[in-house]
Amino acid sequence: MLLAAVSLAACSVLPTSGPSSREIKAGAAVGIRVIDVDDTVTRQLQERRSQLLFSDVFPGAPASDQIVQPGDVL
């Protein structure tokens, strides 16, 4: 019985993964907003996302006539 009590008591001093409940409750006061991500939110994010082509970022760069051929070392 004493062995079981000692072995269970040792579990409280072992390191854990993740925050403790005390740390979670303390962090709740920081003001982080949690929102539900639904279809409407994802559509709004997708509309705001801009995708630029490489040629849009560097316009006017002349095309190179060099082509990688079999056997070329890069």
PDB file of N, CA and C in Angstrom:
ATOM      1  N   MET A   1       0.825  -1.184   0.000  1.00  0.00           N
ATOM      2  CA  MET A   1       0.000   0.000   0.000  1.00  0.00           C
ATOM      3  C   MET A   1       0.876   1.256   0.000  1.00  0.00           C
ATOM      4  N   LEU A   2       1.924   1.209   0.791  1.00  0.00           N
ATOM      5  CA  LEU A   2       2.830   2.348   0.859  1.00  0.00           C
ATOM      6  C   LEU A   2       3.532   2.564  -0.482  1.00  0.00           C
ATOM      7  N   LEU A   3       3.886   1.464  -1.150  1.00  0.00           N
ATOM      8  CA  LEU A   3       4.543   1.555  -2.453  1.00  0.00           C
ATOM      9  C   LEU A   3       3.620   2.209  -3.475  1.00  0.00           C
ATOM     10  N   ALA A   4       2.344   1.847  -3.471  1.00  0.00           N
ATOM     11  CA  ALA A   4       1.381   2.446  -4.399  1.00  0.00           C
ATOM     12  C   ALA A   4       1.225   3.934  -4.129  1.00  0.00           C
ATOM     13  N   ALA A   5       1.177   4.326  -2.877  1.00  0.00           N
ATOM     14  CA  ALA A   5       1.025   5.738  -2.528  1.00  0.00           C
ATOM     15  C   ALA A   5       2.241   6.544  -2.960  1.00  0.00           C
ATOM     16  N   VAL A   6       3.421   5.993  -2.770  1.00  0.00           N
ATOM     17  CA  VAL A   6       4.644   6.696  -3.153  1.00  0.00           C
ATOM     18  C   VAL A   6       4.742   6.810  -4.671  1.00  0.00           C
ATOM     19  N   SER A   7       4.389   5.753  -5.386  1.00  0.00           N
ATOM     20  CA  SER A   7       4.493   5.794  -6.847  1.00  0.00           C
ATOM     21  C   SER A   7       3.479   6.760  -7.446  1.00  0.00           C
ATOM     22  N   LEU A   8       2.287   6.852  -6.867  1.00  0.00           N
ATOM     23  CA  LEU A   8       1.304   7.800  -7.374  1.00  0.00           C
ATOM     24  C   LEU A   8       1.685   9.232  -7.028  1.00  0.00           C
ATOM     25  N   ALA A   9       2.284   9.440  -5.898  1.00  0.00           N
ATOM     26  CA  ALA A   9       2.712  10.782  -5.508  1.00  0.00           C
ATOM     27  C   ALA A   9       3.809  11.286  -6.436  1.00  0.00           C
ATOM     28  N   ALA A  10       4.610  10.389  -6.959  1.00  0.00           N
ATOM     29  CA  ALA A  10       5.691  10.784  -7.862  1.00  0.00           C
ATOM     30  C   ALA A  10       5.152  11.327  -9.175  1.00  0.00           C
ATOM     31  N   CYS A  11       3.935  10.955  -9.559  1.00  0.00           N
ATOM     32  CA  CYS A  11       3.360  11.433 -10.814  1.00  0.00           C
ATOM     33  C   CYS A  11       3.154  12.940 -10.803  1.00  0.00           C
ATOM     34  N   SER A  12       2.961  13.528  -9.642  1.00  0.00           N
ATOM     35  CA  SER A  12       2.706  14.965  -9.581  1.00  0.00           C
ATOM     36  C   SER A  12       3.958  15.790  -9.834  1.00  0.00           C
ATOM     37  N   VAL A  13       5.129  15.203  -9.726  1.00  0.00           N
ATOM     38  CA  VAL A  13       6.357  15.958  -9.948  1.00  0.00           C
ATOM     39  C   VAL A  13       6.955  15.701 -11.324  1.00  0.00           C
ATOM     40  N   LEU A  14       6.356  14.823 -12.097  1.00  0.00           N
ATOM     41  CA  LEU A  14       6.857  14.550 -13.438  1.00  0.00           C
ATOM     42  C   LEU A  14       6.491  15.702 -14.365  1.00  0.00           C
ATOM     43  N   PRO A  15       7.339  16.020 -15.326  1.00  0.00           N
ATOM     44  CA  PRO A  15       7.000  17.079 -16.265  1.00  0.00           C
ATOM     45  C   PRO A  15       5.808  16.671 -17.127  1.00  0.00           C
ATOM     46  N   THR A  16       5.053  17.663 -17.558  1.00  0.00           N
ATOM     47  CA  THR A  16       3.882  17.401 -18.383  1.00  0.00           C
ATOM     48  C   THR A  16       4.031  18.097 -19.719  1.00  0.00           C
ATOM     49  N   SER A  17       3.173  17.753 -20.623  1.00  0.00           N
ATOM     50  CA  SER A  17       3.150  18.378 -21.930  1.00  0.00           C
ATOM     51  C   SER A  17       1.965  19.328 -21.988  1.00  0.00           C
ATOM     52  N   GLY A  18       2.197  20.558 -22.382  1.00  0.00           N
ATOM     53  CA  GLY A  18       1.114  21.524 -22.492  1.00  0.00           C
ATOM     54  C   GLY A  18       0.931  22.331 -21.226  1.00  0.00           C
ATOM     55  N   PRO A  19       0.077  23.343 -21.314  1.00  0.00           N
ATOM     56  CA  PRO A  19      -0.129  24.222 -20.161  1.00  0.00           C
ATOM     57  C   PRO A  19      -1.000  23.570 -19.096  1.00  0.00           C
ATOM     58  N   SER A  20      -0.840  24.031 -17.867  1.00  0.00           N
ATOM     59  CA  SER A  20      -1.685  23.551 -16.776  1.00  0.00           C
ATOM     60  C   SER A  20      -3.010  24.306 -16.814  1.00  0.00           C
ATOM     61  N   SER A  21      -3.984  23.826 -16.071  1.00  0.00           N
ATOM     62  CA  SER A  21      -5.282  24.506 -16.050  1.00  0.00           C
ATOM     63  C   SER A  21      -5.141  25.907 -15.471  1.00  0.00           C
ATOM     64  N   ARG A  22      -4.239  26.090 -14.532  1.00  0.00           N
ATOM     65  CA  ARG A  22      -4.002  27.417 -13.955  1.00  0.00           C
ATOM     66  C   ARG A  22      -3.462  28.370 -15.024  1.00  0.00           C
ATOM     67  N   GLU A  23      -2.541  27.879 -15.861  1.00  0.00           N
ATOM     68  CA  GLU A  23      -1.987  28.717 -16.919  1.00  0.00           C
ATOM     69  C   GLU A  23      -3.036  29.053 -17.974  1.00  0.00           C
ATOM     70  N   ILE A  24      -3.928  28.119 -18.254  1.00  0.00           N
ATOM     71  CA  ILE A  24      -4.991  28.371 -19.230  1.00  0.00           C
ATOM     72  C   ILE A  24      -5.933  29.445 -18.713  1.00  0.00           C
ATOM     73  N   LYS A  25      -6.325  29.337 -17.447  1.00  0.00           N
ATOM     74  CA  LYS A  25      -7.231  30.333 -16.862  1.00  0.00           C
ATOM     75  C   LYS A  25      -6.571  31.703 -16.797  1.00  0.00           C
ATOM     76  N   ALA A  26      -5.290  31.744 -16.507  1.00  0.00           N
ATOM     77  CA  ALA A  26      -4.576  33.021 -16.459  1.00  0.00           C
ATOM     78  C   ALA A  26      -4.460  33.631 -17.852  1.00  0.00           C
ATOM     79  N   GLY A  27      -4.292  32.801 -18.850  1.00  0.00           N
ATOM     80  CA  GLY A  27      -4.173  33.285 -20.220  1.00  0.00           C
ATOM     81  C   GLY A  27      -5.482  33.776 -20.796  1.00  0.00           C
ATOM     82  N   ALA A  28      -6.612  33.351 -20.228  1.00  0.00           N
ATOM     83  CA  ALA A  28      -7.914  33.769 -20.738  1.00  0.00           C
ATOM     84  C   ALA A  28      -8.136  35.257 -20.538  1.00  0.00           C
ATOM     85  N   ALA A  29      -7.458  35.851 -19.588  1.00  0.00           N
ATOM     86  CA  ALA A  29      -7.632  37.274 -19.313  1.00  0.00           C
ATOM     87  C   ALA A  29      -6.862  38.151 -20.291  1.00  0.00           C
ATOM     88  N   VAL A  30      -6.060  37.573 -21.144  1.00  0.00           N
ATOM     89  CA  VAL A  30      -5.237  38.338 -22.073  1.00  0.00           C
ATOM     90  C   VAL A  30      -6.093  39.047 -23.115  1.00  0.00           C
ATOM     91  N   GLY A  31      -7.242  38.506 -23.447  1.00  0.00           N
ATOM     92  CA  GLY A  31      -8.118  39.143 -24.415  1.00  0.00           C
ATOM     93  C   GLY A  31      -8.046  38.533 -25.802  1.00  0.00           C
ATOM     94  N   ILE A  32      -7.753  37.290 -25.890  1.00  0.00           N
ATOM     95  CA  ILE A  32      -7.719  36.608 -27.177  1.00  0.00           C
ATOM     96  C   ILE A  32      -9.146  36.242 -27.557  1.00  0.00           C
ATOM     97  N   ARG A  33      -9.551  36.644 -28.744  1.00  0.00           N
ATOM     98  CA  ARG A  33     -10.894  36.331 -29.214  1.00  0.00           C
ATOM     99  C   ARG A  33     -10.883  35.023 -29.981  1.00  0.00           C
ATOM    100  N   VAL A  34     -11.807  34.172 -29.656  1.00  0.00           N
ATOM    101  CA  VAL A  34     -11.969  32.914 -30.380  1.00  0.00           C
ATOM    102  C   VAL A  34     -13.217  33.052 -31.238  1.00  0.00           C
ATOM    103  N   ILE A  35     -13.073  32.802 -32.540  1.00  0.00           N
ATOM    104  CA  ILE A  35     -14.221  32.915 -33.433  1.00  0.00           C
ATOM    105  C   ILE A  35     -14.484  31.573 -34.086  1.00  0.00           C
ATOM    106  N   ASP A  36     -15.728  31.372 -34.456  1.00  0.00           N
ATOM    107  CA  ASP A  36     -16.092  30.173 -35.205  1.00  0.00           C
ATOM    108  C   ASP A  36     -15.742  30.416 -36.666  1.00  0.00           C
ATOM    109  N   VAL A  37     -14.983  29.527 -37.242  1.00  0.00           N
ATOM    110  CA  VAL A  37     -14.620  29.642 -38.649  1.00  0.00           C
ATOM    111  C   VAL A  37     -15.610  28.807 -39.436  1.00  0.00           C
ATOM    112  N   ASP A  38     -16.461  29.502 -40.166  1.00  0.00           N
ATOM    113  CA  ASP A  38     -17.465  28.817 -40.970  1.00  0.00           C
ATOM    114  C   ASP A  38     -17.234  29.161 -42.442  1.00  0.00           C
ATOM    115  N   ASP A  39     -18.172  28.779 -43.271  1.00  0.00           N
ATOM    116  CA  ASP A  39     -18.036  28.984 -44.705  1.00  0.00           C
ATOM    117  C   ASP A  39     -17.937  30.469 -45.052  1.00  0.00           C
ATOM    118  N   THR A  40     -18.699  31.305 -44.358  1.00  0.00           N
ATOM    119  CA  THR A  40     -18.676  32.745 -44.626  1.00  0.00           C
ATOM    120  C   THR A  40     -17.301  33.336 -44.336  1.00  0.00           C
ATOM    121  N   VAL A  41     -16.720  32.958 -43.232  1.00  0.00           N
ATOM    122  CA  VAL A  41     -15.393  33.469 -42.862  1.00  0.00           C
ATOM    123  C   VAL A  41     -14.350  33.017 -43.873  1.00  0.00           C
ATOM    124  N   THR A  42     -14.390  31.761 -44.268  1.00  0.00           N
ATOM    125  CA  THR A  42     -13.392  31.271 -45.223  1.00  0.00           C
ATOM    126  C   THR A  42     -13.540  31.941 -46.578  1.00  0.00           C
ATOM    127  N   ARG A  43     -14.759  32.216 -46.988  1.00  0.00           N
ATOM    128  CA  ARG A  43     -14.956  32.917 -48.268  1.00  0.00           C
ATOM    129  C   ARG A  43     -14.410  34.347 -48.199  1.00  0.00           C
ATOM    130  N   GLN A  44     -14.635  35.031 -47.079  1.00  0.00           N
ATOM    131  CA  GLN A  44     -14.109  36.390 -46.926  1.00  0.00           C
ATOM    132  C   GLN A  44     -12.585  36.391 -46.938  1.00  0.00           C
ATOM    133  N   LEU A  45     -11.980  35.434 -46.280  1.00  0.00           N
ATOM    134  CA  LEU A  45     -10.520  35.348 -46.284  1.00  0.00           C
ATOM    135  C   LEU A  45      -9.989  35.044 -47.677  1.00  0.00           C
ATOM    136  N   GLN A  46     -10.674  34.180 -48.398  1.00  0.00           N
ATOM    137  CA  GLN A  46     -10.250  33.823 -49.749  1.00  0.00           C
ATOM    138  C   GLN A  46     -10.343  35.023 -50.685  1.00  0.00           C
ATOM    139  N   GLU A  47     -11.378  35.855 -50.513  1.00  0.00           N
ATOM    140  CA  GLU A  47     -11.530  37.033 -51.366  1.00  0.00           C
ATOM    141  C   GLU A  47     -10.428  38.052 -51.108  1.00  0.00           C
ATOM    142  N   ARG A  48      -9.964  38.162 -49.873  1.00  0.00           N
ATOM    143  CA  ARG A  48      -8.930  39.134 -49.520  1.00  0.00           C
ATOM    144  C   ARG A  48      -7.529  38.658 -49.874  1.00  0.00           C
ATOM    145  N   ARG A  49      -7.386  37.391 -50.133  1.00  0.00           N
ATOM    146  CA  ARG A  49      -6.071  36.824 -50.428  1.00  0.00           C
ATOM    147  C   ARG A  49      -5.683  37.181 -51.856  1.00  0.00           C
ATOM    148  N   SER A  50      -4.526  37.767 -52.009  1.00  0.00           N
ATOM    149  CA  SER A  50      -4.076  38.103 -53.358  1.00  0.00           C
ATOM    150  C   SER A  50      -2.936  37.172 -53.741  1.00  0.00           C
ATOM    151  N   GLN A  51      -3.020  36.684 -54.936  1.00  0.00           N
ATOM    152  CA  GLN A  51      -1.976  35.802 -55.442  1.00  0.00           C
ATOM    153  C   GLN A  51      -1.310  36.495 -56.622  1.00  0.00           C
ATOM    154  N   LEU A  52      -0.045  36.780 -56.449  1.00  0.00           N
ATOM    155  CA  LEU A  52       0.700  37.435 -57.507  1.00  0.00           C
ATOM    156  C   LEU A  52       1.536  36.413 -58.257  1.00  0.00           C
ATOM    157  N   LEU A  53       1.582  36.609 -59.543  1.00  0.00           N
ATOM    158  CA  LEU A  53       2.462  35.790 -60.359  1.00  0.00           C
ATOM    159  C   LEU A  53       3.883  36.333 -60.246  1.00  0.00           C
ATOM    160  N   PHE A  54       4.847  35.492 -60.466  1.00  0.00           N
ATOM    161  CA  PHE A  54       6.245  35.912 -60.440  1.00  0.00           C
ATOM    162  C   PHE A  54       6.471  37.016 -61.468  1.00  0.00           C
ATOM    163  N   SER A  55       5.815  36.899 -62.622  1.00  0.00           N
ATOM    164  CA  SER A  55       5.971  37.910 -63.668  1.00  0.00           C
ATOM    165  C   SER A  55       5.330  39.233 -63.276  1.00  0.00           C
ATOM    166  N   ASP A  56       4.349  39.214 -62.362  1.00  0.00           N
ATOM    167  CA  ASP A  56       3.758  40.463 -61.877  1.00  0.00           C
ATOM    168  C   ASP A  56       4.699  41.172 -60.904  1.00  0.00           C
ATOM    169  N   VAL A  57       5.438  40.404 -60.137  1.00  0.00           N
ATOM    170  CA  VAL A  57       6.347  40.982 -59.151  1.00  0.00           C
ATOM    171  C   VAL A  57       7.569  41.590 -59.837  1.00  0.00           C
ATOM    172  N   PHE A  58       8.079  40.939 -60.869  1.00  0.00           N
ATOM    173  CA  PHE A  58       9.257  41.403 -61.596  1.00  0.00           C
ATOM    174  C   PHE A  58       8.893  41.633 -63.065  1.00  0.00           C
ATOM    175  N   PRO A  59       8.142  42.683 -63.355  1.00  0.00           N
ATOM    176  CA  PRO A  59       7.742  42.914 -64.749  1.00  0.00           C
ATOM    177  C   PRO A  59       8.915  43.425 -65.584  1.00  0.00           C
ATOM    178  N   GLY A  60       8.836  43.161 -66.852  1.00  0.00           N
ATOM    179  CA  GLY A  60       9.807  43.696 -67.780  1.00  0.00           C
ATOM    180  C   GLY A  60      11.129  42.969 -67.837  1.00  0.00           C
ATOM    181  N   ALA A  61      11.290  41.911 -67.090  1.00  0.00           N
ATOM    182  CA  ALA A  61      12.540  41.161 -67.170  1.00  0.00           C
ATOM    183  C   ALA A  61      12.557  40.416 -68.501  1.00  0.00           C
ATOM    184  N   PRO A  62      13.627  40.563 -69.243  1.00  0.00           N
ATOM    185  CA  PRO A  62      13.674  39.891 -70.550  1.00  0.00           C
ATOM    186  C   PRO A  62      13.736  38.373 -70.388  1.00  0.00           C
ATOM    187  N   ALA A  63      13.091  37.703 -71.295  1.00  0.00           N
ATOM    188  CA  ALA A  63      13.119  36.243 -71.283  1.00  0.00           C
ATOM    189  C   ALA A  63      14.505  35.771 -71.693  1.00  0.00           C
ATOM    190  N   SER A  64      14.952  34.732 -71.087  1.00  0.00           N
ATOM    191  CA  SER A  64      16.272  34.200 -71.387  1.00  0.00           C
ATOM    192  C   SER A  64      16.152  33.150 -72.480  1.00  0.00           C
ATOM    193  N   ASP A  65      17.150  33.116 -73.346  1.00  0.00           N
ATOM    194  CA  ASP A  65      17.149  32.093 -74.391  1.00  0.00           C
ATOM    195  C   ASP A  65      17.877  30.832 -73.942  1.00  0.00           C
ATOM    196  N   GLN A  66      18.357  30.836 -72.705  1.00  0.00           N
ATOM    197  CA  GLN A  66      19.043  29.661 -72.184  1.00  0.00           C
ATOM    198  C   GLN A  66      18.011  28.667 -71.673  1.00  0.00           C
ATOM    199  N   ILE A  67      18.150  27.451 -72.108  1.00  0.00           N
ATOM    200  CA  ILE A  67      17.235  26.388 -71.704  1.00  0.00           C
ATOM    201  C   ILE A  67      18.064  25.270 -71.090  1.00  0.00           C
ATOM    202  N   VAL A  68      17.585  24.723 -70.000  1.00  0.00           N
ATOM    203  CA  VAL A  68      18.275  23.607 -69.358  1.00  0.00           C
ATOM    204  C   VAL A  68      18.091  22.374 -70.235  1.00  0.00           C
ATOM    205  N   GLN A  69      19.183  21.738 -70.541  1.00  0.00           N
ATOM    206  CA  GLN A  69      19.176  20.560 -71.401  1.00  0.00           C
ATOM    207  C   GLN A  69      19.621  19.344 -70.599  1.00  0.00           C
ATOM    208  N   PRO A  70      19.303  18.147 -71.081  1.00  0.00           N
ATOM    209  CA  PRO A  70      19.791  16.941 -70.401  1.00  0.00           C
ATOM    210  C   PRO A  70      21.315  16.961 -70.327  1.00  0.00           C
ATOM    211  N   GLY A  71      21.848  16.620 -69.176  1.00  0.00           N
ATOM    212  CA  GLY A  71      23.288  16.598 -68.967  1.00  0.00           C
ATOM    213  C   GLY A  71      23.834  17.886 -68.375  1.00  0.00           C
ATOM    214  N   ASP A  72      23.024  18.952 -68.359  1.00  0.00           N
ATOM    215  CA  ASP A  72      23.466  20.203 -67.749  1.00  0.00           C
ATOM    216  C   ASP A  72      23.577  20.023 -66.241  1.00  0.00           C
ATOM    217  N   VAL A  73      24.550  20.683 -65.651  1.00  0.00           N
ATOM    218  CA  VAL A  73      24.734  20.643 -64.205  1.00  0.00           C
ATOM    219  C   VAL A  73      24.271  21.983 -63.653  1.00  0.00           C
ATOM    220  N   LEU A  74      23.361  21.923 -62.710  1.00  0.00           N
ATOM    221  CA  LEU A  74      22.837  23.162 -62.121  1.00  0.00           C
ATOM    222  C   LEU A  74      23.429  23.387 -60.764  1.00  0.00           C
TER     223      LEU A  74
END
